Protein backbone atom coordinates (compact mmCIF):
# COMPACT_ATOMS: atom_id res chain seq x y z
CA UNK A 1 2.71 24.10 19.93
CA UNK A 2 4.12 20.81 18.62
CA UNK A 3 7.68 20.30 19.81
CA UNK A 4 10.44 19.70 17.29
CA UNK A 5 11.00 16.25 18.79
CA UNK A 6 7.39 15.16 18.23
CA UNK A 7 7.41 16.71 14.75
CA UNK A 8 10.55 14.78 13.87
CA UNK A 9 8.71 11.55 14.78
CA UNK A 10 5.28 12.11 13.30
CA UNK A 11 6.34 14.36 10.42
CA UNK A 12 7.90 11.68 8.19
CA UNK A 13 5.15 9.17 9.03
CA UNK A 14 2.43 11.71 8.27
CA UNK A 15 4.03 12.78 5.00
CA UNK A 16 4.55 9.16 3.94
CA UNK A 17 0.92 8.31 4.76
CA UNK A 18 -0.40 11.31 2.82
CA UNK A 19 1.76 10.65 -0.24
CA UNK A 20 0.80 7.00 -0.26
CA UNK A 21 -2.93 7.66 0.00
CA UNK A 22 -2.77 10.28 -2.78
CA UNK A 23 -0.91 7.88 -5.06
CA UNK A 24 -2.90 4.78 -4.16
CA UNK A 25 -6.35 6.34 -4.66
CA UNK A 26 -6.40 6.20 -8.49
CA UNK A 27 -4.71 2.80 -8.47
CA UNK A 28 -7.27 1.42 -6.02
CA UNK A 29 -10.15 2.75 -8.11
CA UNK A 30 -8.70 0.94 -11.13
CA UNK A 31 -8.28 -2.26 -9.10
CA UNK A 32 -11.99 -2.19 -8.20
CA UNK A 33 -12.92 -1.55 -11.84
CA UNK A 34 -10.91 -4.58 -12.93
CA UNK A 35 -12.35 -6.77 -10.17
CA UNK A 36 -8.91 -7.85 -8.94
CA UNK A 37 -9.27 -6.71 -5.35
CA UNK A 38 -6.68 -8.99 -3.78
CA UNK A 39 -3.95 -8.27 -6.31
CA UNK A 40 -2.61 -5.52 -4.04
CA UNK A 41 -2.24 -7.92 -1.12
CA UNK A 42 -0.53 -10.50 -3.33
CA UNK A 43 1.87 -8.07 -5.05
CA UNK A 44 2.63 -6.38 -1.71
CA UNK A 45 3.42 -9.72 -0.09
CA UNK A 46 5.57 -10.80 -3.04
CA UNK A 47 7.43 -7.47 -3.01
CA UNK A 48 7.95 -8.01 0.72
CA UNK A 49 9.35 -11.44 -0.04
CA UNK A 50 11.81 -9.76 -2.37
CA UNK A 51 12.87 -7.44 0.46
CA UNK A 52 13.41 -10.40 2.77
CA UNK A 53 15.49 -12.25 0.18
CA UNK A 54 17.61 -9.15 -0.39
CA UNK A 55 18.12 -8.50 3.33
CA UNK A 56 18.92 -12.13 4.13
CA UNK A 57 21.17 -13.04 1.24
CA UNK A 58 22.58 -9.76 -0.08
CA UNK A 59 24.19 -6.65 1.39
CA UNK A 60 21.74 -4.94 3.77
CA UNK A 61 23.82 -1.75 3.60
CA UNK A 62 22.78 -1.19 -0.02
CA UNK A 63 19.18 0.09 0.12
CA UNK A 64 19.02 0.45 -3.66
CA UNK A 65 19.65 -3.29 -3.97
CA UNK A 66 16.66 -4.03 -1.74
CA UNK A 67 14.55 -1.65 -3.81
CA UNK A 68 15.55 -3.31 -7.08
CA UNK A 69 15.05 -6.83 -5.72
CA UNK A 70 11.60 -6.01 -4.33
CA UNK A 71 10.64 -4.29 -7.59
CA UNK A 72 11.75 -7.28 -9.66
CA UNK A 73 9.65 -9.60 -7.50
CA UNK A 74 6.66 -7.25 -7.80
CA UNK A 75 7.05 -6.89 -11.57
CA UNK A 76 7.29 -10.65 -12.06
CA UNK A 77 4.10 -11.06 -10.04
CA UNK A 78 2.37 -8.29 -11.97
CA UNK A 79 3.33 -9.74 -15.36
CA UNK A 80 2.18 -13.16 -14.21
CA UNK A 81 -1.19 -11.78 -13.11
CA UNK A 82 -1.52 -9.90 -16.40
CA UNK A 83 -1.04 -13.17 -18.29
CA UNK A 84 -3.63 -14.83 -16.07
CA UNK A 85 -6.03 -11.95 -16.72
CA UNK A 86 -5.76 -12.44 -20.49
CA UNK A 87 -5.75 -16.25 -20.49
CA UNK A 88 -7.95 -17.52 -17.66
CA UNK A 89 -9.68 -14.48 -16.16
CA UNK A 90 -12.36 -16.59 -14.48
CA UNK A 91 -9.71 -18.12 -12.20
CA UNK A 92 -7.68 -14.95 -11.66
CA UNK A 93 -8.85 -14.12 -8.13
CA UNK A 94 -8.22 -17.70 -6.96
CA UNK A 95 -4.70 -17.65 -8.39
CA UNK A 96 -4.02 -14.25 -6.84
CA UNK A 97 -5.15 -15.56 -3.44
CA UNK A 98 -2.95 -18.65 -3.72
CA UNK A 99 0.00 -16.46 -4.72
CA UNK A 100 -0.47 -14.34 -1.60
CA UNK A 101 -0.59 -17.37 0.69
CA UNK A 102 2.43 -18.92 -1.04
CA UNK A 103 4.54 -15.76 -0.74
CA UNK A 104 3.54 -15.34 2.92
CA UNK A 105 4.41 -18.97 3.68
CA UNK A 106 7.80 -18.74 1.97
CA UNK A 107 8.54 -15.56 3.97
CA UNK A 108 7.77 -17.37 7.22
CA UNK A 109 9.94 -20.33 6.21
CA UNK A 110 12.88 -18.06 5.34
CA UNK A 111 12.67 -16.47 8.79
CA UNK A 112 11.95 -19.68 10.73
CA UNK A 113 15.47 -19.89 12.18
CA UNK A 114 16.15 -16.17 12.18
CA UNK A 115 16.70 -14.72 15.69
CA UNK A 116 14.43 -11.76 14.95
CA UNK A 117 12.10 -13.59 12.56
CA UNK A 118 8.92 -12.65 14.41
CA UNK A 119 9.86 -8.99 14.41
CA UNK A 120 10.72 -9.10 10.71
CA UNK A 121 7.34 -10.61 9.83
CA UNK A 122 5.51 -8.05 11.97
CA UNK A 123 7.48 -5.25 10.32
CA UNK A 124 6.65 -6.58 6.85
CA UNK A 125 2.93 -6.86 7.59
CA UNK A 126 2.18 -3.83 9.75
CA UNK A 127 5.23 -1.63 9.11
CA UNK A 128 6.98 0.73 11.50
CA UNK A 129 5.64 4.07 10.37
CA UNK A 130 6.75 6.08 13.38
CA UNK A 131 10.34 4.99 12.74
CA UNK A 132 10.35 6.34 9.19
CA UNK A 133 12.92 9.09 8.67
CA UNK A 134 12.78 12.13 6.40
CA UNK A 135 15.46 10.45 4.30
CA UNK A 136 13.26 7.37 3.84
CA UNK A 137 10.42 9.55 2.54
CA UNK A 138 12.66 11.58 0.24
CA UNK A 139 14.12 8.41 -1.30
CA UNK A 140 10.68 7.19 -2.35
CA UNK A 141 9.07 10.58 -3.10
CA UNK A 142 10.32 10.78 -6.75
CA UNK A 143 8.79 7.35 -7.44
CA UNK A 144 5.35 8.48 -6.24
CA UNK A 145 5.60 11.75 -8.19
CA UNK A 146 6.54 9.81 -11.34
CA UNK A 147 3.55 7.49 -10.88
CA UNK A 148 1.13 10.41 -10.46
CA UNK A 149 2.52 12.29 -13.46
CA UNK A 150 2.32 9.23 -15.72
CA UNK A 151 -1.15 8.34 -14.44
CA UNK A 152 -2.65 11.71 -15.33
CA UNK A 153 -0.88 12.09 -18.66
CA UNK A 154 -3.07 11.37 -21.72
CA UNK A 155 -1.47 8.00 -22.36
CA UNK A 156 -2.96 4.52 -22.47
CA UNK A 157 -2.30 2.59 -19.26
CA UNK A 158 -4.94 -0.07 -19.79
CA UNK A 159 -2.44 -2.77 -20.67
CA UNK A 160 0.80 -3.68 -18.95
CA UNK A 161 1.42 -0.01 -18.09
CA UNK A 162 -1.02 -0.20 -15.19
CA UNK A 163 0.76 -3.23 -13.74
CA UNK A 164 4.17 -1.53 -14.00
CA UNK A 165 2.97 1.60 -12.16
CA UNK A 166 1.14 -0.57 -9.65
CA UNK A 167 4.33 -2.56 -8.95
CA UNK A 168 6.38 0.63 -8.51
CA UNK A 169 3.89 2.00 -5.98
CA UNK A 170 3.56 -1.24 -4.05
CA UNK A 171 7.33 -1.76 -3.84
CA UNK A 172 7.90 1.60 -2.18
CA UNK A 173 4.78 1.50 -0.01
CA UNK A 174 5.52 -1.92 1.48
CA UNK A 175 8.90 -0.65 2.66
CA UNK A 176 7.35 2.41 4.30
CA UNK A 177 4.07 1.19 5.80
CA UNK A 178 3.77 -2.61 5.45
CA UNK A 179 1.38 -4.95 3.65
CA UNK A 180 -1.75 -4.23 5.70
CA UNK A 181 -1.70 -0.46 5.22
CA UNK A 182 -0.95 -0.92 1.51
CA UNK A 183 -4.13 -2.96 1.11
CA UNK A 184 -6.23 -0.59 3.23
CA UNK A 185 -4.99 2.54 1.43
CA UNK A 186 -5.74 1.04 -1.98
CA UNK A 187 -9.16 -0.51 -1.43
CA UNK A 188 -10.98 1.44 1.29
CA UNK A 189 -10.76 4.98 -0.17
CA UNK A 190 -11.70 3.49 -3.55
CA UNK A 191 -14.84 2.00 -1.97
CA UNK A 192 -15.92 5.45 -0.76
CA UNK A 193 -15.49 6.74 -4.31
CA UNK A 194 -17.99 4.31 -5.85
CA UNK A 195 -20.93 6.02 -7.59
CA UNK A 196 -19.61 9.53 -6.91
CA UNK A 197 -19.33 12.40 -9.39
CA UNK A 198 -15.61 12.83 -8.75
CA UNK A 199 -14.12 9.49 -7.62
CA UNK A 200 -10.57 10.77 -7.21
CA UNK A 201 -11.56 13.64 -4.93
CA UNK A 202 -13.78 11.34 -2.86
CA UNK A 203 -11.02 8.75 -2.47
CA UNK A 204 -8.40 11.38 -1.65
CA UNK A 205 -10.62 12.99 0.99
CA UNK A 206 -11.34 9.63 2.63
CA UNK A 207 -7.67 8.66 2.60
CA UNK A 208 -6.39 11.97 3.94
CA UNK A 209 -8.87 11.95 6.84
CA UNK A 210 -7.93 8.33 7.63
CA UNK A 211 -4.20 9.09 7.70
CA UNK A 212 -4.51 12.23 9.83
CA UNK A 213 -6.81 10.50 12.31
CA UNK A 214 -4.64 7.38 12.43
CA UNK A 215 -1.37 9.20 13.09
CA UNK A 216 -2.97 11.40 15.77
CA UNK A 217 -4.49 8.39 17.58
CA UNK A 218 -1.24 6.46 17.31
CA UNK A 219 0.68 9.27 19.02
CA UNK A 220 -1.97 9.96 21.67
CA UNK A 221 -2.39 6.32 22.72
CA UNK A 222 1.19 5.22 21.96
CA UNK A 223 0.03 2.41 19.66
CA UNK A 224 1.59 1.05 16.43
CA UNK A 225 0.70 3.38 13.58
CA UNK A 226 0.18 0.68 10.95
CA UNK A 227 -2.66 -1.23 12.65
CA UNK A 228 -4.24 2.03 13.83
CA UNK A 229 -4.23 3.32 10.25
CA UNK A 230 -6.02 0.19 9.03
CA UNK A 231 -8.69 0.74 11.70
CA UNK A 232 -9.14 4.42 10.80
CA UNK A 233 -9.34 3.60 7.09
CA UNK A 234 -12.17 1.15 7.86
CA UNK A 235 -13.92 3.55 10.25
CA UNK A 236 -13.79 6.53 7.88
CA UNK A 237 -14.96 4.41 4.94
CA UNK A 238 -17.97 3.07 6.87
CA UNK A 239 -18.79 6.56 8.16
CA UNK A 240 -18.67 8.16 4.69
CA UNK A 241 -20.74 5.38 3.12
CA UNK A 242 -23.37 5.63 5.88
CA UNK A 243 -23.57 9.42 5.61
CA UNK A 244 -23.99 9.17 1.84
CA UNK A 245 -26.77 6.58 2.18
CA UNK A 246 -28.60 8.68 4.77
CA UNK A 247 -28.39 11.74 2.52
CA UNK A 248 -29.65 9.78 -0.47
CA UNK A 249 -32.57 8.35 1.52
CA UNK A 250 -33.72 11.88 2.39
CA UNK A 251 -33.77 13.03 -1.21
């Protein structure tokens, strides 16, 4: 049986990973449809920049302030990308890429003289999933539930609504799992859902397997959960795509 000590470590990380993959699946499918694949990296990095600004220059003991600051940064980025989409769509991916690099560079500059700058950058990029507490998950859980409810309501989210929900999800996810896992959980399950009869179910299945496998391997081999999750997302995606192609070739 799993001891209560191990459960207290992997439980919050596992729940966070599962909630994130369930919420990110429909968003990632929409990102692929729109052809703006790197928007999640850019918005995640910009939201992370907002977290750094809040932690460095405001009161770190006020978690709601960090949440609001990160969300404002993410929303500004999302609105900017929406304007680019409507005005100069042909250059959108290039501008998104430049925005990511710019936000990452500013983050490094802000932490250049910080005594724990390297650790802060690593935390922002790859997260510290196994240090997530139940309280951390419960704080962000209502946000994910709100996103899922609004997404599946019969309302039009084709305009700015998508960018608002996207920013809400990214802001919470970056704080829990880091930029790399955010990107992997958005894009890779969505890739497995391409040309399937039920894209959401396909993406959810891929994501859930990736999270379970990643957390288990992280605990067994005592490795950082964030990077392991990225690897398992890639592995599961490749495996599912190969299995589907082999099945199709036999038909």
